[in-house]
Amino acid sequence: MNNHHFAHRNRSATPSRQRLLDRYKQYLQSAELKSLAGDRVGAENDYQHAEHFFRSAAQQKDADRL
Protein backbone atom coordinates (compact mmCIF):
# COMPACT_ATOMS: atom_id res chain seq x y z
CA MET A 1 0.00 0.00 0.00
CA ASN A 2 1.36 3.44 -0.85
CA ASN A 3 1.14 6.57 1.29
CA HIS A 4 -2.02 7.72 -0.51
CA HIS A 5 -3.94 4.73 0.83
CA PHE A 6 -2.81 5.39 4.38
CA ALA A 7 -3.75 9.06 4.18
CA HIS A 8 -7.16 8.17 2.76
CA ARG A 9 -7.78 5.55 5.43
CA ASN A 10 -7.15 8.05 8.24
CA ARG A 11 -9.80 10.47 7.00
CA SER A 12 -13.21 10.41 8.56
CA ALA A 13 -15.96 8.53 6.75
CA THR A 14 -17.89 11.77 6.21
CA PRO A 15 -15.96 14.56 4.50
CA SER A 16 -15.88 17.83 6.36
CA ARG A 17 -18.00 20.68 5.08
CA GLN A 18 -14.86 22.76 4.51
CA ARG A 19 -13.28 20.02 2.39
CA LEU A 20 -16.46 19.81 0.31
CA LEU A 21 -16.47 23.58 -0.19
CA ASP A 22 -12.81 23.46 -1.21
CA ARG A 23 -13.62 20.89 -3.87
CA TYR A 24 -16.55 23.07 -4.99
CA LYS A 25 -14.21 26.03 -5.47
CA GLN A 26 -11.66 23.89 -7.32
CA TYR A 27 -14.27 22.69 -9.80
CA LEU A 28 -15.64 26.20 -10.28
CA GLN A 29 -12.18 27.52 -11.04
CA SER A 30 -11.50 24.66 -13.45
CA ALA A 31 -14.84 25.25 -15.18
CA GLU A 32 -14.09 28.94 -15.63
CA LEU A 33 -10.68 28.19 -17.13
CA LYS A 34 -12.15 25.64 -19.51
CA SER A 35 -14.90 28.05 -20.49
CA LEU A 36 -12.35 30.76 -21.28
CA ALA A 37 -10.39 28.24 -23.35
CA GLY A 38 -13.52 27.42 -25.37
CA ASP A 39 -14.08 23.95 -23.91
CA ARG A 40 -17.83 24.20 -23.30
CA VAL A 41 -18.33 20.49 -22.66
CA GLY A 42 -15.46 20.29 -20.18
CA ALA A 43 -16.69 23.44 -18.45
CA GLU A 44 -20.22 22.06 -18.13
CA ASN A 45 -18.83 18.84 -16.67
CA ASP A 46 -16.87 20.78 -14.07
CA TYR A 47 -19.88 22.98 -13.27
CA GLN A 48 -21.92 19.82 -12.63
CA HIS A 49 -19.22 18.48 -10.34
CA ALA A 50 -19.09 21.83 -8.53
CA GLU A 51 -22.85 21.70 -8.02
CA HIS A 52 -22.54 18.20 -6.53
CA PHE A 53 -19.97 19.37 -3.98
CA PHE A 54 -22.02 22.49 -3.17
CA ARG A 55 -25.11 20.36 -2.51
CA SER A 56 -23.05 17.90 -0.45
CA ALA A 57 -21.71 20.76 1.68
CA ALA A 58 -25.23 22.08 2.20
CA GLN A 59 -26.41 18.62 3.20
CA GLN A 60 -23.47 18.31 5.61
CA LYS A 61 -24.41 21.66 7.16
CA ASP A 62 -27.98 20.44 7.69
CA ALA A 63 -26.70 17.20 9.25
CA ASP A 64 -24.49 19.16 11.65
CA ARG A 65 -27.56 21.05 12.92
CA LEU A 66 -29.29 17.86 14.11
PDB file of N, CA and C in Angstrom:
ATOM      1  N   MET A   1       0.836  -1.172   0.000  1.00  0.00           N
ATOM      2  CA  MET A   1       0.000   0.000   0.000  1.00  0.00           C
ATOM      3  C   MET A   1       0.889   1.246   0.000  1.00  0.00           C
ATOM      4  N   ASN A   2       0.556   2.210  -0.834  1.00  0.00           N
ATOM      5  CA  ASN A   2       1.360   3.436  -0.846  1.00  0.00           C
ATOM      6  C   ASN A   2       0.823   4.434   0.170  1.00  0.00           C
ATOM      7  N   ASN A   3       1.511   5.564   0.291  1.00  0.00           N
ATOM      8  CA  ASN A   3       1.136   6.568   1.294  1.00  0.00           C
ATOM      9  C   ASN A   3      -0.252   7.129   1.060  1.00  0.00           C
ATOM     10  N   HIS A   4      -0.693   7.189  -0.201  1.00  0.00           N
ATOM     11  CA  HIS A   4      -2.024   7.720  -0.506  1.00  0.00           C
ATOM     12  C   HIS A   4      -3.101   6.899   0.196  1.00  0.00           C
ATOM     13  N   HIS A   5      -2.942   5.578   0.180  1.00  0.00           N
ATOM     14  CA  HIS A   5      -3.941   4.728   0.826  1.00  0.00           C
ATOM     15  C   HIS A   5      -3.986   4.950   2.332  1.00  0.00           C
ATOM     16  N   PHE A   6      -2.828   5.144   2.943  1.00  0.00           N
ATOM     17  CA  PHE A   6      -2.806   5.385   4.382  1.00  0.00           C
ATOM     18  C   PHE A   6      -3.452   6.726   4.713  1.00  0.00           C
ATOM     19  N   ALA A   7      -3.165   7.740   3.933  1.00  0.00           N
ATOM     20  CA  ALA A   7      -3.751   9.061   4.180  1.00  0.00           C
ATOM     21  C   ALA A   7      -5.266   8.995   4.022  1.00  0.00           C
ATOM     22  N   HIS A   8      -5.727   8.273   3.000  1.00  0.00           N
ATOM     23  CA  HIS A   8      -7.161   8.165   2.760  1.00  0.00           C
ATOM     24  C   HIS A   8      -7.845   7.389   3.884  1.00  0.00           C
ATOM     25  N   ARG A   9      -7.193   6.375   4.381  1.00  0.00           N
ATOM     26  CA  ARG A   9      -7.785   5.545   5.427  1.00  0.00           C
ATOM     27  C   ARG A   9      -7.951   6.331   6.725  1.00  0.00           C
ATOM     28  N   ASN A  10      -7.082   7.290   6.990  1.00  0.00           N
ATOM     29  CA  ASN A  10      -7.151   8.045   8.236  1.00  0.00           C
ATOM     30  C   ASN A  10      -8.197   9.144   8.212  1.00  0.00           C
ATOM     31  N   ARG A  11      -8.753   9.447   7.081  1.00  0.00           N
ATOM     32  CA  ARG A  11      -9.795  10.470   7.001  1.00  0.00           C
ATOM     33  C   ARG A  11     -11.094   9.929   7.575  1.00  0.00           C
ATOM     34  N   SER A  12     -11.926  10.846   8.032  1.00  0.00           N
ATOM     35  CA  SER A  12     -13.214  10.409   8.557  1.00  0.00           C
ATOM     36  C   SER A  12     -14.092   9.905   7.415  1.00  0.00           C
ATOM     37  N   ALA A  13     -15.082   9.108   7.768  1.00  0.00           N
ATOM     38  CA  ALA A  13     -15.963   8.535   6.754  1.00  0.00           C
ATOM     39  C   ALA A  13     -16.779   9.613   6.058  1.00  0.00           C
ATOM     40  N   THR A  14     -17.118  10.675   6.776  1.00  0.00           N
ATOM     41  CA  THR A  14     -17.886  11.773   6.209  1.00  0.00           C
ATOM     42  C   THR A  14     -16.952  12.957   5.996  1.00  0.00           C
ATOM     43  N   PRO A  15     -16.853  13.420   4.745  1.00  0.00           N
ATOM     44  CA  PRO A  15     -15.957  14.556   4.504  1.00  0.00           C
ATOM     45  C   PRO A  15     -16.444  15.806   5.230  1.00  0.00           C
ATOM     46  N   SER A  16     -15.501  16.606   5.674  1.00  0.00           N
ATOM     47  CA  SER A  16     -15.881  17.834   6.365  1.00  0.00           C
ATOM     48  C   SER A  16     -16.521  18.808   5.382  1.00  0.00           C
ATOM     49  N   ARG A  17     -17.326  19.683   5.918  1.00  0.00           N
ATOM     50  CA  ARG A  17     -17.996  20.681   5.084  1.00  0.00           C
ATOM     51  C   ARG A  17     -16.962  21.555   4.387  1.00  0.00           C
ATOM     52  N   GLN A  18     -15.888  21.912   5.100  1.00  0.00           N
ATOM     53  CA  GLN A  18     -14.858  22.765   4.507  1.00  0.00           C
ATOM     54  C   GLN A  18     -14.174  22.059   3.339  1.00  0.00           C
ATOM     55  N   ARG A  19     -13.917  20.774   3.476  1.00  0.00           N
ATOM     56  CA  ARG A  19     -13.281  20.022   2.392  1.00  0.00           C
ATOM     57  C   ARG A  19     -14.207  19.964   1.176  1.00  0.00           C
ATOM     58  N   LEU A  20     -15.496  19.817   1.413  1.00  0.00           N
ATOM     59  CA  LEU A  20     -16.461  19.812   0.313  1.00  0.00           C
ATOM     60  C   LEU A  20     -16.506  21.172  -0.382  1.00  0.00           C
ATOM     61  N   LEU A  21     -16.472  22.241   0.401  1.00  0.00           N
ATOM     62  CA  LEU A  21     -16.475  23.581  -0.188  1.00  0.00           C
ATOM     63  C   LEU A  21     -15.181  23.860  -0.958  1.00  0.00           C
ATOM     64  N   ASP A  22     -14.073  23.318  -0.473  1.00  0.00           N
ATOM     65  CA  ASP A  22     -12.805  23.464  -1.205  1.00  0.00           C
ATOM     66  C   ASP A  22     -12.882  22.787  -2.569  1.00  0.00           C
ATOM     67  N   ARG A  23     -13.458  21.588  -2.597  1.00  0.00           N
ATOM     68  CA  ARG A  23     -13.619  20.893  -3.873  1.00  0.00           C
ATOM     69  C   ARG A  23     -14.550  21.652  -4.798  1.00  0.00           C
ATOM     70  N   TYR A  24     -15.624  22.241  -4.237  1.00  0.00           N
ATOM     71  CA  TYR A  24     -16.553  23.067  -4.993  1.00  0.00           C
ATOM     72  C   TYR A  24     -15.808  24.210  -5.680  1.00  0.00           C
ATOM     73  N   LYS A  25     -14.980  24.905  -4.919  1.00  0.00           N
ATOM     74  CA  LYS A  25     -14.215  26.025  -5.470  1.00  0.00           C
ATOM     75  C   LYS A  25     -13.231  25.572  -6.538  1.00  0.00           C
ATOM     76  N   GLN A  26     -12.604  24.420  -6.330  1.00  0.00           N
ATOM     77  CA  GLN A  26     -11.664  23.887  -7.318  1.00  0.00           C
ATOM     78  C   GLN A  26     -12.372  23.609  -8.643  1.00  0.00           C
ATOM     79  N   TYR A  27     -13.537  22.994  -8.570  1.00  0.00           N
ATOM     80  CA  TYR A  27     -14.269  22.687  -9.796  1.00  0.00           C
ATOM     81  C   TYR A  27     -14.793  23.954 -10.471  1.00  0.00           C
ATOM     82  N   LEU A  28     -15.201  24.939  -9.684  1.00  0.00           N
ATOM     83  CA  LEU A  28     -15.642  26.201 -10.275  1.00  0.00           C
ATOM     84  C   LEU A  28     -14.501  26.875 -11.033  1.00  0.00           C
ATOM     85  N   GLN A  29     -13.333  26.902 -10.411  1.00  0.00           N
ATOM     86  CA  GLN A  29     -12.176  27.519 -11.045  1.00  0.00           C
ATOM     87  C   GLN A  29     -11.806  26.772 -12.330  1.00  0.00           C
ATOM     88  N   SER A  30     -11.818  25.464 -12.270  1.00  0.00           N
ATOM     89  CA  SER A  30     -11.503  24.662 -13.447  1.00  0.00           C
ATOM     90  C   SER A  30     -12.521  24.906 -14.559  1.00  0.00           C
ATOM     91  N   ALA A  31     -13.788  25.006 -14.196  1.00  0.00           N
ATOM     92  CA  ALA A  31     -14.840  25.250 -15.180  1.00  0.00           C
ATOM     93  C   ALA A  31     -14.650  26.608 -15.851  1.00  0.00           C
ATOM     94  N   GLU A  32     -14.307  27.607 -15.062  1.00  0.00           N
ATOM     95  CA  GLU A  32     -14.094  28.935 -15.627  1.00  0.00           C
ATOM     96  C   GLU A  32     -12.923  28.947 -16.599  1.00  0.00           C
ATOM     97  N   LEU A  33     -11.841  28.256 -16.245  1.00  0.00           N
ATOM     98  CA  LEU A  33     -10.684  28.185 -17.135  1.00  0.00           C
ATOM     99  C   LEU A  33     -11.025  27.466 -18.437  1.00  0.00           C
ATOM    100  N   LYS A  34     -11.761  26.380 -18.320  1.00  0.00           N
ATOM    101  CA  LYS A  34     -12.154  25.639 -19.515  1.00  0.00           C
ATOM    102  C   LYS A  34     -13.093  26.461 -20.384  1.00  0.00           C
ATOM    103  N   SER A  35     -13.984  27.202 -19.748  1.00  0.00           N
ATOM    104  CA  SER A  35     -14.905  28.046 -20.490  1.00  0.00           C
ATOM    105  C   SER A  35     -14.138  29.125 -21.270  1.00  0.00           C
ATOM    106  N   LEU A  36     -13.167  29.739 -20.622  1.00  0.00           N
ATOM    107  CA  LEU A  36     -12.350  30.757 -21.281  1.00  0.00           C
ATOM    108  C   LEU A  36     -11.536  30.177 -22.433  1.00  0.00           C
ATOM    109  N   ALA A  37     -11.168  28.905 -22.312  1.00  0.00           N
ATOM    110  CA  ALA A  37     -10.391  28.240 -23.355  1.00  0.00           C
ATOM    111  C   ALA A  37     -11.278  27.727 -24.485  1.00  0.00           C
ATOM    112  N   GLY A  38     -12.599  27.863 -24.323  1.00  0.00           N
ATOM    113  CA  GLY A  38     -13.523  27.421 -25.368  1.00  0.00           C
ATOM    114  C   GLY A  38     -13.987  25.989 -25.237  1.00  0.00           C
ATOM    115  N   ASP A  39     -13.669  25.346 -24.133  1.00  0.00           N
ATOM    116  CA  ASP A  39     -14.077  23.946 -23.914  1.00  0.00           C
ATOM    117  C   ASP A  39     -15.411  23.947 -23.174  1.00  0.00           C
ATOM    118  N   ARG A  40     -16.501  24.110 -23.918  1.00  0.00           N
ATOM    119  CA  ARG A  40     -17.830  24.203 -23.300  1.00  0.00           C
ATOM    120  C   ARG A  40     -18.245  22.915 -22.624  1.00  0.00           C
ATOM    121  N   VAL A  41     -17.932  21.787 -23.235  1.00  0.00           N
ATOM    122  CA  VAL A  41     -18.334  20.492 -22.662  1.00  0.00           C
ATOM    123  C   VAL A  41     -17.567  20.224 -21.364  1.00  0.00           C
ATOM    124  N   GLY A  42     -16.266  20.468 -21.391  1.00  0.00           N
ATOM    125  CA  GLY A  42     -15.458  20.290 -20.179  1.00  0.00           C
ATOM    126  C   GLY A  42     -15.895  21.226 -19.068  1.00  0.00           C
ATOM    127  N   ALA A  43     -16.222  22.470 -19.442  1.00  0.00           N
ATOM    128  CA  ALA A  43     -16.687  23.440 -18.453  1.00  0.00           C
ATOM    129  C   ALA A  43     -18.003  22.986 -17.836  1.00  0.00           C
ATOM    130  N   GLU A  44     -18.923  22.524 -18.650  1.00  0.00           N
ATOM    131  CA  GLU A  44     -20.216  22.064 -18.134  1.00  0.00           C
ATOM    132  C   GLU A  44     -20.024  20.877 -17.191  1.00  0.00           C
ATOM    133  N   ASN A  45     -19.125  19.978 -17.535  1.00  0.00           N
ATOM    134  CA  ASN A  45     -18.834  18.835 -16.671  1.00  0.00           C
ATOM    135  C   ASN A  45     -18.326  19.315 -15.312  1.00  0.00           C
ATOM    136  N   ASP A  46     -17.406  20.270 -15.328  1.00  0.00           N
ATOM    137  CA  ASP A  46     -16.874  20.775 -14.071  1.00  0.00           C
ATOM    138  C   ASP A  46     -17.929  21.548 -13.278  1.00  0.00           C
ATOM    139  N   TYR A  47     -18.794  22.290 -13.969  1.00  0.00           N
ATOM    140  CA  TYR A  47     -19.881  22.977 -13.268  1.00  0.00           C
ATOM    141  C   TYR A  47     -20.814  21.977 -12.586  1.00  0.00           C
ATOM    142  N   GLN A  48     -21.070  20.852 -13.234  1.00  0.00           N
ATOM    143  CA  GLN A  48     -21.920  19.823 -12.630  1.00  0.00           C
ATOM    144  C   GLN A  48     -21.250  19.212 -11.406  1.00  0.00           C
ATOM    145  N   HIS A  49     -19.938  18.984 -11.503  1.00  0.00           N
ATOM    146  CA  HIS A  49     -19.217  18.478 -10.338  1.00  0.00           C
ATOM    147  C   HIS A  49     -19.244  19.506  -9.210  1.00  0.00           C
ATOM    148  N   ALA A  50     -19.055  20.771  -9.545  1.00  0.00           N
ATOM    149  CA  ALA A  50     -19.095  21.831  -8.535  1.00  0.00           C
ATOM    150  C   ALA A  50     -20.448  21.839  -7.832  1.00  0.00           C
ATOM    151  N   GLU A  51     -21.509  21.711  -8.608  1.00  0.00           N
ATOM    152  CA  GLU A  51     -22.853  21.698  -8.021  1.00  0.00           C
ATOM    153  C   GLU A  51     -23.008  20.521  -7.053  1.00  0.00           C
ATOM    154  N   HIS A  52     -22.469  19.373  -7.411  1.00  0.00           N
ATOM    155  CA  HIS A  52     -22.536  18.200  -6.532  1.00  0.00           C
ATOM    156  C   HIS A  52     -21.880  18.498  -5.183  1.00  0.00           C
ATOM    157  N   PHE A  53     -20.668  19.091  -5.229  1.00  0.00           N
ATOM    158  CA  PHE A  53     -19.968  19.366  -3.980  1.00  0.00           C
ATOM    159  C   PHE A  53     -20.659  20.469  -3.181  1.00  0.00           C
ATOM    160  N   PHE A  54     -21.274  21.438  -3.863  1.00  0.00           N
ATOM    161  CA  PHE A  54     -22.025  22.485  -3.172  1.00  0.00           C
ATOM    162  C   PHE A  54     -23.219  21.881  -2.437  1.00  0.00           C
ATOM    163  N   ARG A  55     -23.948  21.004  -3.128  1.00  0.00           N
ATOM    164  CA  ARG A  55     -25.108  20.357  -2.506  1.00  0.00           C
ATOM    165  C   ARG A  55     -24.679  19.457  -1.351  1.00  0.00           C
ATOM    166  N   SER A  56     -23.559  18.764  -1.525  1.00  0.00           N
ATOM    167  CA  SER A  56     -23.053  17.900  -0.454  1.00  0.00           C
ATOM    168  C   SER A  56     -22.675  18.720   0.777  1.00  0.00           C
ATOM    169  N   ALA A  57     -22.066  19.892   0.558  1.00  0.00           N
ATOM    170  CA  ALA A  57     -21.707  20.764   1.676  1.00  0.00           C
ATOM    171  C   ALA A  57     -22.955  21.271   2.378  1.00  0.00           C
ATOM    172  N   ALA A  58     -23.978  21.620   1.611  1.00  0.00           N
ATOM    173  CA  ALA A  58     -25.230  22.083   2.204  1.00  0.00           C
ATOM    174  C   ALA A  58     -25.884  20.966   3.010  1.00  0.00           C
ATOM    175  N   GLN A  59     -25.840  19.769   2.481  1.00  0.00           N
ATOM    176  CA  GLN A  59     -26.409  18.618   3.195  1.00  0.00           C
ATOM    177  C   GLN A  59     -25.630  18.352   4.488  1.00  0.00           C
ATOM    178  N   GLN A  60     -24.316  18.494   4.417  1.00  0.00           N
ATOM    179  CA  GLN A  60     -23.471  18.306   5.610  1.00  0.00           C
ATOM    180  C   GLN A  60     -23.811  19.353   6.668  1.00  0.00           C
ATOM    181  N   LYS A  61     -24.045  20.590   6.230  1.00  0.00           N
ATOM    182  CA  LYS A  61     -24.411  21.656   7.161  1.00  0.00           C
ATOM    183  C   LYS A  61     -25.720  21.316   7.868  1.00  0.00           C
ATOM    184  N   ASP A  62     -26.700  20.826   7.102  1.00  0.00           N
ATOM    185  CA  ASP A  62     -27.979  20.435   7.694  1.00  0.00           C
ATOM    186  C   ASP A  62     -27.801  19.296   8.685  1.00  0.00           C
ATOM    187  N   ALA A  63     -26.928  18.341   8.358  1.00  0.00           N
ATOM    188  CA  ALA A  63     -26.697  17.197   9.251  1.00  0.00           C
ATOM    189  C   ALA A  63     -26.026  17.645  10.535  1.00  0.00           C
ATOM    190  N   ASP A  64     -25.176  18.663  10.449  1.00  0.00           N
ATOM    191  CA  ASP A  64     -24.490  19.158  11.650  1.00  0.00           C
ATOM    192  C   ASP A  64     -25.453  19.854  12.600  1.00  0.00           C
ATOM    193  N   ARG A  65     -26.572  20.353  12.077  1.00  0.00           N
ATOM    194  CA  ARG A  65     -27.557  21.050  12.924  1.00  0.00           C
ATOM    195  C   ARG A  65     -28.329  20.084  13.799  1.00  0.00           C
ATOM    196  N   LEU A  66     -28.461  18.829  13.362  1.00  0.00           N
ATOM    197  CA  LEU A  66     -29.287  17.856  14.110  1.00  0.00           C
ATOM    198  C   LEU A  66     -28.617  17.375  15.360  1.00  0.00           C
TER     199      LEU A  66
END
